[in-house]
Amino acid sequence: MDRDRIRELLEKVRSGAIDVQEAMHALKMLPFEDLGFARPDSHRALRTGYPEVIYCTGKTLGQICAIVERLTTGHNTIIASRATDEVYDAIKKIRPGALYKKDARLIIIGEPVRPKTDKKILVITAGTSDIPVAEEAAVTAESMANPVERLFDVGVAGIHRLFESSSSIVTANVLVVVAGMDGALPSVIGGLVDKPVIAVPTSIGYGASFGGLSALLTMLNCCSPGVAVVNIDNGFGAGYIAGMINLGNA
């Protein structure tokens, strides 16, 4: 972080050379802190309303902890995604209050947030095997101060299970629908509601599913209007955009 630049901006505000709004705009453009192996984006929350997320896969424990120490300064909430027990143990040593949402593979660092709206996001899975991706979406949206409801294992192989929860489906403001195998559930949901549906293909399925590609193509070819699609297993991306829509930022 460019501390000299921050001090310069503060002096200009005090002297009246620029106003607070101009200073905030300048702060948003201060890019990062260079750690050599990573450049944590300390001001992403100012620009986008949400701090940078630490994607843990491929990083060493030392790298993850160094990034956590930089990013948690001044932020209310930080997420470490695709985390393991080993990663959590390391982060817990430097941030004792960190919470591990194991089903979601997410570590939440910071104070719990209260919902900023009464409108809810409904996260639905076709099967039980899709829950880890769905939980990643749900916890991400919750960390952005959204109320989230979950509805699991209601896929098209037993479609009557879905209709039993019709009241939750039609009252949701945004729906995240997670499915592997044939990926048909988002199209069904899209034909039942007048709200945005975010479809998430998962890599769950037998050989001909090609690691989620079959579900992805089905969702991209969805005939129901109002359905958008994220990448395979991208629960975080789905939860993030659902959270933005629900809070009125998209």
C-alpha atoms as a PDB file:
ATOM      1  CA  MET A   1       0.000   0.000   0.000  1.00  0.00           C
ATOM      2  CA  ASP A   2       1.361   3.441  -0.927  1.00  0.00           C
ATOM      3  CA  ARG A   3       1.419   5.120   2.514  1.00  0.00           C
ATOM      4  CA  ASP A   4       3.170   8.232   1.169  1.00  0.00           C
ATOM      5  CA  ARG A   5       0.385   8.689  -1.358  1.00  0.00           C
ATOM      6  CA  ILE A   6      -2.253   8.294   1.349  1.00  0.00           C
ATOM      7  CA  ARG A   7      -0.541  10.902   3.538  1.00  0.00           C
ATOM      8  CA  GLU A   8      -0.377  13.240   0.553  1.00  0.00           C
ATOM      9  CA  LEU A   9      -4.104  12.860  -0.090  1.00  0.00           C
ATOM     10  CA  LEU A  10      -4.922  13.493   3.580  1.00  0.00           C
ATOM     11  CA  GLU A  11      -2.892  16.683   3.535  1.00  0.00           C
ATOM     12  CA  LYS A  12      -4.724  17.876   0.433  1.00  0.00           C
ATOM     13  CA  VAL A  13      -8.084  17.211   2.108  1.00  0.00           C
ATOM     14  CA  ARG A  14      -7.004  19.104   5.245  1.00  0.00           C
ATOM     15  CA  SER A  15      -5.773  22.052   3.167  1.00  0.00           C
ATOM     16  CA  GLY A  16      -8.934  22.141   1.076  1.00  0.00           C
ATOM     17  CA  ALA A  17      -7.088  21.427  -2.165  1.00  0.00           C
ATOM     18  CA  ILE A  18      -9.423  18.493  -2.837  1.00  0.00           C
ATOM     19  CA  ASP A  19     -12.642  17.325  -1.213  1.00  0.00           C
ATOM     20  CA  VAL A  20     -13.288  13.980   0.469  1.00  0.00           C
ATOM     21  CA  GLN A  21     -15.033  12.513  -2.580  1.00  0.00           C
ATOM     22  CA  GLU A  22     -12.032  13.268  -4.793  1.00  0.00           C
ATOM     23  CA  ALA A  23      -9.702  11.734  -2.224  1.00  0.00           C
ATOM     24  CA  MET A  24     -11.810   8.559  -2.033  1.00  0.00           C
ATOM     25  CA  HIS A  25     -11.709   8.220  -5.809  1.00  0.00           C
ATOM     26  CA  ALA A  26      -7.924   8.508  -5.740  1.00  0.00           C
ATOM     27  CA  LEU A  27      -7.676   5.932  -2.953  1.00  0.00           C
ATOM     28  CA  LYS A  28      -9.660   3.442  -5.017  1.00  0.00           C
ATOM     29  CA  MET A  29      -6.946   3.546  -7.652  1.00  0.00           C
ATOM     30  CA  LEU A  30      -4.087   2.728  -5.260  1.00  0.00           C
ATOM     31  CA  PRO A  31      -3.464  -0.762  -6.546  1.00  0.00           C
ATOM     32  CA  PHE A  32      -1.714  -3.227  -4.271  1.00  0.00           C
ATOM     33  CA  GLU A  33       1.046  -4.161  -1.867  1.00  0.00           C
ATOM     34  CA  ASP A  34       3.915  -6.068  -3.472  1.00  0.00           C
ATOM     35  CA  LEU A  35       4.945  -9.148  -1.467  1.00  0.00           C
ATOM     36  CA  GLY A  36       7.150 -10.528  -4.215  1.00  0.00           C
ATOM     37  CA  PHE A  37       5.135 -13.727  -4.716  1.00  0.00           C
ATOM     38  CA  ALA A  38       1.779 -11.926  -4.623  1.00  0.00           C
ATOM     39  CA  ARG A  39       0.325  -8.443  -4.902  1.00  0.00           C
ATOM     40  CA  PRO A  40      -2.665  -8.286  -2.519  1.00  0.00           C
ATOM     41  CA  ASP A  41      -5.265  -5.825  -3.751  1.00  0.00           C
ATOM     42  CA  SER A  42      -5.907  -3.897  -0.544  1.00  0.00           C
ATOM     43  CA  HIS A  43      -8.327  -1.437  -2.127  1.00  0.00           C
ATOM     44  CA  ARG A  44     -10.588  -3.823  -3.997  1.00  0.00           C
ATOM     45  CA  ALA A  45     -13.305  -3.324  -1.378  1.00  0.00           C
ATOM     46  CA  LEU A  46     -13.276   0.427  -2.072  1.00  0.00           C
ATOM     47  CA  ARG A  47     -13.693  -0.156  -5.799  1.00  0.00           C
ATOM     48  CA  THR A  48     -16.100  -3.085  -5.843  1.00  0.00           C
ATOM     49  CA  GLY A  49     -17.628  -3.185  -2.366  1.00  0.00           C
ATOM     50  CA  TYR A  50     -16.074  -6.570  -1.561  1.00  0.00           C
ATOM     51  CA  PRO A  51     -12.498  -7.438  -0.496  1.00  0.00           C
ATOM     52  CA  GLU A  52     -10.158  -9.639  -2.490  1.00  0.00           C
ATOM     53  CA  VAL A  53     -10.707 -13.361  -1.976  1.00  0.00           C
ATOM     54  CA  ILE A  54      -7.738 -15.641  -1.330  1.00  0.00           C
ATOM     55  CA  TYR A  55      -7.867 -18.688  -3.607  1.00  0.00           C
ATOM     56  CA  CYS A  56      -5.871 -21.247  -1.623  1.00  0.00           C
ATOM     57  CA  THR A  57      -5.306 -23.976  -4.217  1.00  0.00           C
ATOM     58  CA  GLY A  58      -1.725 -23.869  -5.497  1.00  0.00           C
ATOM     59  CA  LYS A  59      -0.447 -21.554  -2.748  1.00  0.00           C
ATOM     60  CA  THR A  60       1.862 -22.583   0.103  1.00  0.00           C
ATOM     61  CA  LEU A  61       0.775 -22.157   3.719  1.00  0.00           C
ATOM     62  CA  GLY A  62       3.346 -19.396   4.132  1.00  0.00           C
ATOM     63  CA  GLN A  63       2.035 -17.513   1.123  1.00  0.00           C
ATOM     64  CA  ILE A  64      -1.572 -17.827   2.262  1.00  0.00           C
ATOM     65  CA  CYS A  65      -0.784 -16.597   5.782  1.00  0.00           C
ATOM     66  CA  ALA A  66       1.239 -13.640   4.495  1.00  0.00           C
ATOM     67  CA  ILE A  67      -1.647 -12.568   2.252  1.00  0.00           C
ATOM     68  CA  VAL A  68      -4.148 -13.013   5.092  1.00  0.00           C
ATOM     69  CA  GLU A  69      -2.091 -10.757   7.361  1.00  0.00           C
ATOM     70  CA  ARG A  70      -2.053  -7.982   4.744  1.00  0.00           C
ATOM     71  CA  LEU A  71      -5.657  -8.208   3.608  1.00  0.00           C
ATOM     72  CA  THR A  72      -7.282  -8.451   7.021  1.00  0.00           C
ATOM     73  CA  THR A  73      -5.925  -5.067   8.059  1.00  0.00           C
ATOM     74  CA  GLY A  74      -8.829  -2.638   7.861  1.00  0.00           C
ATOM     75  CA  HIS A  75     -11.364  -5.058   6.363  1.00  0.00           C
ATOM     76  CA  ASN A  76     -14.409  -6.454   8.135  1.00  0.00           C
ATOM     77  CA  THR A  77     -14.545  -9.762   6.282  1.00  0.00           C
ATOM     78  CA  ILE A  78     -12.080 -11.769   4.228  1.00  0.00           C
ATOM     79  CA  ILE A  79     -12.693 -15.128   2.511  1.00  0.00           C
ATOM     80  CA  ALA A  80     -10.118 -17.829   1.839  1.00  0.00           C
ATOM     81  CA  SER A  81     -11.641 -20.182  -0.737  1.00  0.00           C
ATOM     82  CA  ARG A  82     -10.967 -23.854  -1.526  1.00  0.00           C
ATOM     83  CA  ALA A  83      -9.395 -24.198   1.896  1.00  0.00           C
ATOM     84  CA  THR A  84      -8.338 -27.422   3.633  1.00  0.00           C
ATOM     85  CA  ASP A  85      -7.990 -28.408   7.299  1.00  0.00           C
ATOM     86  CA  GLU A  86      -4.265 -27.716   7.004  1.00  0.00           C
ATOM     87  CA  VAL A  87      -4.886 -24.203   5.680  1.00  0.00           C
ATOM     88  CA  TYR A  88      -7.386 -23.517   8.458  1.00  0.00           C
ATOM     89  CA  ASP A  89      -4.939 -24.654  11.156  1.00  0.00           C
ATOM     90  CA  ALA A  90      -2.322 -22.264   9.781  1.00  0.00           C
ATOM     91  CA  ILE A  91      -4.692 -19.291   9.503  1.00  0.00           C
ATOM     92  CA  LYS A  92      -6.126 -19.960  12.972  1.00  0.00           C
ATOM     93  CA  LYS A  93      -2.683 -19.357  14.475  1.00  0.00           C
ATOM     94  CA  ILE A  94      -2.549 -15.793  13.143  1.00  0.00           C
ATOM     95  CA  ARG A  95      -6.294 -15.032  13.151  1.00  0.00           C
ATOM     96  CA  PRO A  96      -7.829 -16.994  16.072  1.00  0.00           C
ATOM     97  CA  GLY A  97     -11.345 -15.814  15.256  1.00  0.00           C
ATOM     98  CA  ALA A  98     -11.349 -17.350  11.775  1.00  0.00           C
ATOM     99  CA  LEU A  99     -14.251 -19.724  11.032  1.00  0.00           C
ATOM    100  CA  TYR A 100     -13.969 -22.772   8.793  1.00  0.00           C
ATOM    101  CA  LYS A 101     -17.057 -23.618   6.770  1.00  0.00           C
ATOM    102  CA  LYS A 102     -15.870 -27.090   5.838  1.00  0.00           C
ATOM    103  CA  ASP A 103     -18.750 -28.061   3.564  1.00  0.00           C
ATOM    104  CA  ALA A 104     -18.132 -24.865   1.580  1.00  0.00           C
ATOM    105  CA  ARG A 105     -14.335 -25.173   1.768  1.00  0.00           C
ATOM    106  CA  LEU A 106     -14.270 -21.519   2.850  1.00  0.00           C
ATOM    107  CA  ILE A 107     -12.566 -19.766   5.744  1.00  0.00           C
ATOM    108  CA  ILE A 108     -14.259 -16.592   6.967  1.00  0.00           C
ATOM    109  CA  ILE A 109     -12.012 -14.084   8.704  1.00  0.00           C
ATOM    110  CA  GLY A 110     -13.595 -11.132  10.474  1.00  0.00           C
ATOM    111  CA  GLU A 111     -16.763 -10.189  12.280  1.00  0.00           C
ATOM    112  CA  PRO A 112     -20.032 -11.869  11.257  1.00  0.00           C
ATOM    113  CA  VAL A 113     -22.186  -9.607   9.117  1.00  0.00           C
ATOM    114  CA  ARG A 114     -25.872  -8.916   9.551  1.00  0.00           C
ATOM    115  CA  PRO A 115     -28.176  -9.095   6.535  1.00  0.00           C
ATOM    116  CA  LYS A 116     -28.659  -5.742   4.791  1.00  0.00           C
ATOM    117  CA  THR A 117     -31.941  -6.791   3.212  1.00  0.00           C
ATOM    118  CA  ASP A 118     -35.004  -8.931   3.877  1.00  0.00           C
ATOM    119  CA  LYS A 119     -34.906 -10.331   0.344  1.00  0.00           C
ATOM    120  CA  LYS A 120     -33.580 -13.867   0.274  1.00  0.00           C
ATOM    121  CA  ILE A 121     -31.350 -15.909  -1.978  1.00  0.00           C
ATOM    122  CA  LEU A 122     -32.373 -19.536  -2.418  1.00  0.00           C
ATOM    123  CA  VAL A 123     -29.584 -22.030  -3.128  1.00  0.00           C
ATOM    124  CA  ILE A 124     -30.855 -25.279  -4.641  1.00  0.00           C
ATOM    125  CA  THR A 125     -29.042 -28.510  -5.514  1.00  0.00           C
ATOM    126  CA  ALA A 126     -30.093 -31.317  -7.778  1.00  0.00           C
ATOM    127  CA  GLY A 127     -28.282 -33.881  -5.624  1.00  0.00           C
ATOM    128  CA  THR A 128     -26.469 -34.320  -2.330  1.00  0.00           C
ATOM    129  CA  SER A 129     -23.134 -34.590  -4.151  1.00  0.00           C
ATOM    130  CA  ASP A 130     -23.593 -31.002  -5.361  1.00  0.00           C
ATOM    131  CA  ILE A 131     -23.698 -29.602  -1.805  1.00  0.00           C
ATOM    132  CA  PRO A 132     -20.007 -28.518  -1.535  1.00  0.00           C
ATOM    133  CA  VAL A 133     -20.380 -26.207  -4.552  1.00  0.00           C
ATOM    134  CA  ALA A 134     -23.776 -25.015  -3.312  1.00  0.00           C
ATOM    135  CA  GLU A 135     -22.392 -24.265   0.149  1.00  0.00           C
ATOM    136  CA  GLU A 136     -19.585 -22.245  -1.406  1.00  0.00           C
ATOM    137  CA  ALA A 137     -22.253 -20.135  -3.109  1.00  0.00           C
ATOM    138  CA  ALA A 138     -24.419 -19.866   0.005  1.00  0.00           C
ATOM    139  CA  VAL A 139     -21.622 -18.886   2.401  1.00  0.00           C
ATOM    140  CA  THR A 140     -20.220 -16.369  -0.091  1.00  0.00           C
ATOM    141  CA  ALA A 141     -23.617 -14.673  -0.393  1.00  0.00           C
ATOM    142  CA  GLU A 142     -24.060 -14.717   3.396  1.00  0.00           C
ATOM    143  CA  SER A 143     -20.661 -13.075   3.880  1.00  0.00           C
ATOM    144  CA  MET A 144     -21.943 -10.236   1.672  1.00  0.00           C
ATOM    145  CA  ALA A 145     -24.815  -9.652   4.148  1.00  0.00           C
ATOM    146  CA  ASN A 146     -27.548 -11.540   2.293  1.00  0.00           C
ATOM    147  CA  PRO A 147     -30.170 -13.843   3.837  1.00  0.00           C
ATOM    148  CA  VAL A 148     -29.755 -17.300   2.305  1.00  0.00           C
ATOM    149  CA  GLU A 149     -32.043 -20.320   2.362  1.00  0.00           C
ATOM    150  CA  ARG A 150     -30.973 -23.797   1.241  1.00  0.00           C
ATOM    151  CA  LEU A 151     -32.936 -26.503  -0.591  1.00  0.00           C
ATOM    152  CA  PHE A 152     -30.929 -29.645  -1.319  1.00  0.00           C
ATOM    153  CA  ASP A 153     -31.452 -32.854  -3.302  1.00  0.00           C
ATOM    154  CA  VAL A 154     -34.506 -31.927  -5.380  1.00  0.00           C
ATOM    155  CA  GLY A 155     -33.294 -32.895  -8.857  1.00  0.00           C
ATOM    156  CA  VAL A 156     -35.309 -33.972 -11.860  1.00  0.00           C
ATOM    157  CA  ALA A 157     -34.939 -37.687 -11.065  1.00  0.00           C
ATOM    158  CA  GLY A 158     -37.572 -37.067  -8.373  1.00  0.00           C
ATOM    159  CA  ILE A 159     -39.162 -33.820  -9.452  1.00  0.00           C
ATOM    160  CA  HIS A 160     -42.016 -34.111  -6.918  1.00  0.00           C
ATOM    161  CA  ARG A 161     -39.479 -33.235  -4.206  1.00  0.00           C
ATOM    162  CA  LEU A 162     -39.018 -29.833  -5.831  1.00  0.00           C
ATOM    163  CA  PHE A 163     -42.710 -28.978  -6.012  1.00  0.00           C
ATOM    164  CA  GLU A 164     -43.142 -29.665  -2.308  1.00  0.00           C
ATOM    165  CA  SER A 165     -41.000 -26.559  -1.660  1.00  0.00           C
ATOM    166  CA  SER A 166     -42.753 -24.315  -4.177  1.00  0.00           C
ATOM    167  CA  SER A 167     -43.425 -21.573  -1.607  1.00  0.00           C
ATOM    168  CA  SER A 168     -39.693 -21.117  -0.960  1.00  0.00           C
ATOM    169  CA  ILE A 169     -38.980 -21.117  -4.684  1.00  0.00           C
ATOM    170  CA  VAL A 170     -41.522 -18.477  -5.693  1.00  0.00           C
ATOM    171  CA  THR A 171     -40.698 -16.125  -2.791  1.00  0.00           C
ATOM    172  CA  ALA A 172     -36.932 -16.050  -3.407  1.00  0.00           C
ATOM    173  CA  ASN A 173     -35.485 -12.883  -4.924  1.00  0.00           C
ATOM    174  CA  VAL A 174     -32.540 -14.672  -6.576  1.00  0.00           C
ATOM    175  CA  LEU A 175     -32.035 -18.402  -7.097  1.00  0.00           C
ATOM    176  CA  VAL A 176     -28.753 -20.269  -7.408  1.00  0.00           C
ATOM    177  CA  VAL A 177     -29.330 -23.718  -8.916  1.00  0.00           C
ATOM    178  CA  VAL A 178     -26.465 -26.224  -8.674  1.00  0.00           C
ATOM    179  CA  ALA A 179     -26.530 -29.431 -10.696  1.00  0.00           C
ATOM    180  CA  GLY A 180     -24.254 -32.026 -12.234  1.00  0.00           C
ATOM    181  CA  MET A 181     -25.172 -35.106 -14.292  1.00  0.00           C
ATOM    182  CA  ASP A 182     -27.511 -33.852 -17.063  1.00  0.00           C
ATOM    183  CA  GLY A 183     -27.720 -30.320 -15.604  1.00  0.00           C
ATOM    184  CA  ALA A 184     -31.453 -30.026 -16.286  1.00  0.00           C
ATOM    185  CA  LEU A 185     -32.661 -28.498 -13.017  1.00  0.00           C
ATOM    186  CA  PRO A 186     -31.962 -24.780 -13.779  1.00  0.00           C
ATOM    187  CA  SER A 187     -34.161 -24.955 -16.874  1.00  0.00           C
ATOM    188  CA  VAL A 188     -37.021 -26.355 -14.778  1.00  0.00           C
ATOM    189  CA  ILE A 189     -36.572 -23.658 -12.110  1.00  0.00           C
ATOM    190  CA  GLY A 190     -36.345 -20.948 -14.778  1.00  0.00           C
ATOM    191  CA  GLY A 191     -39.757 -21.967 -16.056  1.00  0.00           C
ATOM    192  CA  LEU A 192     -41.331 -21.576 -12.603  1.00  0.00           C
ATOM    193  CA  VAL A 193     -40.115 -18.172 -11.378  1.00  0.00           C
ATOM    194  CA  ASP A 194     -39.953 -14.536 -12.458  1.00  0.00           C
ATOM    195  CA  LYS A 195     -36.618 -13.891 -10.719  1.00  0.00           C
ATOM    196  CA  PRO A 196     -32.983 -14.278 -11.844  1.00  0.00           C
ATOM    197  CA  VAL A 197     -31.682 -17.850 -11.848  1.00  0.00           C
ATOM    198  CA  ILE A 198     -27.928 -18.446 -11.677  1.00  0.00           C
ATOM    199  CA  ALA A 199     -27.060 -21.927 -12.904  1.00  0.00           C
ATOM    200  CA  VAL A 200     -23.956 -23.693 -11.609  1.00  0.00           C
ATOM    201  CA  PRO A 201     -22.794 -26.854 -13.387  1.00  0.00           C
ATOM    202  CA  THR A 202     -20.799 -29.258 -11.248  1.00  0.00           C
ATOM    203  CA  SER A 203     -18.261 -31.920 -12.157  1.00  0.00           C
ATOM    204  CA  ILE A 204     -20.486 -34.586 -10.593  1.00  0.00           C
ATOM    205  CA  GLY A 205     -21.530 -37.327 -13.010  1.00  0.00           C
ATOM    206  CA  TYR A 206     -20.563 -40.478 -14.856  1.00  0.00           C
ATOM    207  CA  GLY A 207     -18.012 -40.681 -17.664  1.00  0.00           C
ATOM    208  CA  ALA A 208     -20.083 -39.082 -20.406  1.00  0.00           C
ATOM    209  CA  SER A 209     -20.580 -35.982 -18.240  1.00  0.00           C
ATOM    210  CA  PHE A 210     -16.948 -35.083 -19.092  1.00  0.00           C
ATOM    211  CA  GLY A 211     -16.212 -33.528 -15.701  1.00  0.00           C
ATOM    212  CA  GLY A 212     -19.198 -31.171 -15.822  1.00  0.00           C
ATOM    213  CA  LEU A 213     -18.958 -30.158 -19.477  1.00  0.00           C
ATOM    214  CA  SER A 214     -22.235 -31.903 -20.275  1.00  0.00           C
ATOM    215  CA  ALA A 215     -24.067 -29.996 -17.518  1.00  0.00           C
ATOM    216  CA  LEU A 216     -22.427 -26.744 -18.598  1.00  0.00           C
ATOM    217  CA  LEU A 217     -23.577 -27.133 -22.206  1.00  0.00           C
ATOM    218  CA  THR A 218     -27.100 -28.065 -21.107  1.00  0.00           C
ATOM    219  CA  MET A 219     -27.317 -24.936 -18.970  1.00  0.00           C
ATOM    220  CA  LEU A 220     -25.902 -22.720 -21.721  1.00  0.00           C
ATOM    221  CA  ASN A 221     -28.582 -24.102 -24.043  1.00  0.00           C
ATOM    222  CA  CYS A 222     -31.344 -23.562 -21.474  1.00  0.00           C
ATOM    223  CA  CYS A 223     -34.680 -22.687 -23.085  1.00  0.00           C
ATOM    224  CA  SER A 224     -36.062 -20.883 -20.015  1.00  0.00           C
ATOM    225  CA  PRO A 225     -35.479 -17.103 -20.004  1.00  0.00           C
ATOM    226  CA  GLY A 226     -33.755 -15.420 -17.094  1.00  0.00           C
ATOM    227  CA  VAL A 227     -31.111 -18.116 -16.543  1.00  0.00           C
ATOM    228  CA  ALA A 228     -27.431 -17.146 -16.437  1.00  0.00           C
ATOM    229  CA  VAL A 229     -24.580 -19.648 -16.151  1.00  0.00           C
ATOM    230  CA  VAL A 230     -21.235 -19.603 -14.350  1.00  0.00           C
ATOM    231  CA  ASN A 231     -18.310 -21.956 -14.876  1.00  0.00           C
ATOM    232  CA  ILE A 232     -18.071 -25.552 -13.694  1.00  0.00           C
ATOM    233  CA  ASP A 233     -17.951 -25.859  -9.870  1.00  0.00           C
ATOM    234  CA  ASN A 234     -17.842 -22.055  -9.519  1.00  0.00           C
ATOM    235  CA  GLY A 235     -19.939 -21.739  -6.381  1.00  0.00           C
ATOM    236  CA  PHE A 236     -18.053 -18.631  -5.318  1.00  0.00           C
ATOM    237  CA  GLY A 237     -18.815 -16.819  -8.570  1.00  0.00           C
ATOM    238  CA  ALA A 238     -22.480 -17.746  -8.360  1.00  0.00           C
ATOM    239  CA  GLY A 239     -22.785 -16.643  -4.737  1.00  0.00           C
ATOM    240  CA  TYR A 240     -21.019 -13.372  -5.470  1.00  0.00           C
ATOM    241  CA  ILE A 241     -23.227 -12.337  -8.385  1.00  0.00           C
ATOM    242  CA  ALA A 242     -26.349 -13.509  -6.535  1.00  0.00           C
ATOM    243  CA  GLY A 243     -25.315 -11.362  -3.589  1.00  0.00           C
ATOM    244  CA  MET A 244     -24.785  -8.310  -5.798  1.00  0.00           C
ATOM    245  CA  ILE A 245     -28.166  -8.744  -7.477  1.00  0.00           C
ATOM    246  CA  ASN A 246     -29.934  -9.262  -4.177  1.00  0.00           C
ATOM    247  CA  LEU A 247     -28.416  -6.103  -2.677  1.00  0.00           C
ATOM    248  CA  GLY A 248     -29.314  -4.118  -5.771  1.00  0.00           C
ATOM    249  CA  ASN A 249     -25.743  -3.610  -7.002  1.00  0.00           C
ATOM    250  CA  ALA A 250     -26.134  -5.281 -10.378  1.00  0.00           C
END
